[in-house]
Amino acid sequence: MPDEARLREQARAAIRGGSIPTRPADRTWGGPGLGKPCAICQQPVRKNESEFEIEFAQGGSNPAVTLHLHVRCFAAWEFERTKAG
């Protein structure tokens, strides 16, 4: 897992690139990883790791977007999104 500065850099890049919003998630769950790639570092969140699953409603007939994040990546995103938003 990258260090804090690298994770925050990756979070900023994900925000700038539009792959993750700066607004708070509409729904948030925590639990064991599902093996899906993290929205920040792109590494899988393994089953022996904890993850946050965050959902963003799109409105209308568009389905919600669900993202998976490592706990440390979630923290980096939270820090950076509050600075950017």
C-alpha atoms as a PDB file:
ATOM      1  CA  MET A   1       0.000   0.000   0.000  1.00  0.00           C
ATOM      2  CA  PRO A   2       1.449   3.403  -0.971  1.00  0.00           C
ATOM      3  CA  ASP A   3       2.311   5.958   1.674  1.00  0.00           C
ATOM      4  CA  GLU A   4      -0.068   8.759   2.716  1.00  0.00           C
ATOM      5  CA  ALA A   5       1.390  11.415   0.398  1.00  0.00           C
ATOM      6  CA  ARG A   6       1.143   9.078  -2.597  1.00  0.00           C
ATOM      7  CA  LEU A   7      -2.451   8.134  -1.738  1.00  0.00           C
ATOM      8  CA  ARG A   8      -3.447  11.784  -1.476  1.00  0.00           C
ATOM      9  CA  GLU A   9      -1.780  12.453  -4.833  1.00  0.00           C
ATOM     10  CA  GLN A  10      -3.725   9.552  -6.353  1.00  0.00           C
ATOM     11  CA  ALA A  11      -6.953  10.843  -4.780  1.00  0.00           C
ATOM     12  CA  ARG A  12      -6.369  14.292  -6.289  1.00  0.00           C
ATOM     13  CA  ALA A  13      -5.722  12.705  -9.693  1.00  0.00           C
ATOM     14  CA  ALA A  14      -8.934  10.633  -9.451  1.00  0.00           C
ATOM     15  CA  ILE A  15     -10.909  13.762  -8.560  1.00  0.00           C
ATOM     16  CA  ARG A  16      -9.339  15.796 -11.394  1.00  0.00           C
ATOM     17  CA  GLY A  17      -9.916  12.940 -13.828  1.00  0.00           C
ATOM     18  CA  GLY A  18     -13.581  12.699 -12.861  1.00  0.00           C
ATOM     19  CA  SER A  19     -13.425   9.059 -11.765  1.00  0.00           C
ATOM     20  CA  ILE A  20     -14.592   9.981  -8.257  1.00  0.00           C
ATOM     21  CA  PRO A  21     -16.709  13.000  -7.239  1.00  0.00           C
ATOM     22  CA  THR A  22     -15.884  15.634  -4.663  1.00  0.00           C
ATOM     23  CA  ARG A  23     -19.363  15.474  -3.169  1.00  0.00           C
ATOM     24  CA  PRO A  24     -20.139  13.149  -0.271  1.00  0.00           C
ATOM     25  CA  ALA A  25     -21.351   9.683  -1.207  1.00  0.00           C
ATOM     26  CA  ASP A  26     -25.102   9.132  -1.046  1.00  0.00           C
ATOM     27  CA  ARG A  27     -24.573   5.762   0.652  1.00  0.00           C
ATOM     28  CA  THR A  28     -21.545   4.232   2.349  1.00  0.00           C
ATOM     29  CA  TRP A  29     -20.965   0.661   3.510  1.00  0.00           C
ATOM     30  CA  GLY A  30     -17.982  -0.993   5.124  1.00  0.00           C
ATOM     31  CA  GLY A  31     -16.982  -4.622   5.153  1.00  0.00           C
ATOM     32  CA  PRO A  32     -14.519  -7.168   3.826  1.00  0.00           C
ATOM     33  CA  GLY A  33     -13.032  -6.554   0.394  1.00  0.00           C
ATOM     34  CA  LEU A  34     -14.683  -8.074  -2.656  1.00  0.00           C
ATOM     35  CA  GLY A  35     -11.574  -8.207  -4.842  1.00  0.00           C
ATOM     36  CA  LYS A  36     -12.712  -5.201  -6.895  1.00  0.00           C
ATOM     37  CA  PRO A  37     -10.200  -2.501  -7.862  1.00  0.00           C
ATOM     38  CA  CYS A  38      -9.934   0.506  -5.581  1.00  0.00           C
ATOM     39  CA  ALA A  39     -11.164   3.748  -7.171  1.00  0.00           C
ATOM     40  CA  ILE A  40      -8.065   5.552  -5.866  1.00  0.00           C
ATOM     41  CA  CYS A  41      -5.039   3.237  -6.140  1.00  0.00           C
ATOM     42  CA  GLN A  42      -6.486   0.746  -8.664  1.00  0.00           C
ATOM     43  CA  GLN A  43      -5.239  -2.227  -6.599  1.00  0.00           C
ATOM     44  CA  PRO A  44      -7.798  -4.896  -5.696  1.00  0.00           C
ATOM     45  CA  VAL A  45      -9.327  -4.683  -2.240  1.00  0.00           C
ATOM     46  CA  ARG A  46      -8.641  -8.233  -1.129  1.00  0.00           C
ATOM     47  CA  LYS A  47     -11.019 -10.322   0.941  1.00  0.00           C
ATOM     48  CA  ASN A  48      -8.686 -10.161   3.946  1.00  0.00           C
ATOM     49  CA  GLU A  49      -8.763  -6.322   3.819  1.00  0.00           C
ATOM     50  CA  SER A  50     -11.508  -3.923   4.875  1.00  0.00           C
ATOM     51  CA  GLU A  51     -13.135  -1.732   2.246  1.00  0.00           C
ATOM     52  CA  PHE A  52     -15.564   1.104   1.934  1.00  0.00           C
ATOM     53  CA  GLU A  53     -18.161   0.782  -0.796  1.00  0.00           C
ATOM     54  CA  ILE A  54     -19.545   4.182  -1.736  1.00  0.00           C
ATOM     55  CA  GLU A  55     -22.534   4.907  -3.945  1.00  0.00           C
ATOM     56  CA  PHE A  56     -23.405   8.025  -5.904  1.00  0.00           C
ATOM     57  CA  ALA A  57     -26.957   8.487  -7.220  1.00  0.00           C
ATOM     58  CA  GLN A  58     -27.065   9.703 -10.816  1.00  0.00           C
ATOM     59  CA  GLY A  59     -30.690  10.817 -11.002  1.00  0.00           C
ATOM     60  CA  GLY A  60     -33.404   9.987 -13.483  1.00  0.00           C
ATOM     61  CA  SER A  61     -33.188   6.532 -15.022  1.00  0.00           C
ATOM     62  CA  ASN A  62     -29.395   6.394 -14.689  1.00  0.00           C
ATOM     63  CA  PRO A  63     -28.186   3.701 -12.287  1.00  0.00           C
ATOM     64  CA  ALA A  64     -26.180   4.663  -9.223  1.00  0.00           C
ATOM     65  CA  VAL A  65     -22.393   4.411  -9.441  1.00  0.00           C
ATOM     66  CA  THR A  66     -20.742   2.218  -6.804  1.00  0.00           C
ATOM     67  CA  LEU A  67     -17.027   2.483  -6.052  1.00  0.00           C
ATOM     68  CA  HIS A  68     -14.783   0.360  -3.836  1.00  0.00           C
ATOM     69  CA  LEU A  69     -11.950   1.841  -1.760  1.00  0.00           C
ATOM     70  CA  HIS A  70      -9.344   0.650   0.716  1.00  0.00           C
ATOM     71  CA  VAL A  71      -9.839   2.276   4.112  1.00  0.00           C
ATOM     72  CA  ARG A  72      -6.661   4.371   3.705  1.00  0.00           C
ATOM     73  CA  CYS A  73      -7.663   5.372   0.162  1.00  0.00           C
ATOM     74  CA  PHE A  74     -11.101   6.415   1.437  1.00  0.00           C
ATOM     75  CA  ALA A  75      -9.419   8.598   4.072  1.00  0.00           C
ATOM     76  CA  ALA A  76      -7.177  10.199   1.426  1.00  0.00           C
ATOM     77  CA  TRP A  77     -10.214  10.876  -0.791  1.00  0.00           C
ATOM     78  CA  GLU A  78     -12.167  12.380   2.114  1.00  0.00           C
ATOM     79  CA  PHE A  79      -9.269  14.706   2.909  1.00  0.00           C
ATOM     80  CA  GLU A  80      -8.731  15.761  -0.705  1.00  0.00           C
ATOM     81  CA  ARG A  81     -12.414  16.104  -1.630  1.00  0.00           C
ATOM     82  CA  THR A  82     -13.061  18.478   1.251  1.00  0.00           C
ATOM     83  CA  LYS A  83     -10.125  20.615   0.076  1.00  0.00           C
ATOM     84  CA  ALA A  84     -11.268  20.496  -3.566  1.00  0.00           C
ATOM     85  CA  GLY A  85     -14.997  20.951  -3.002  1.00  0.00           C
END
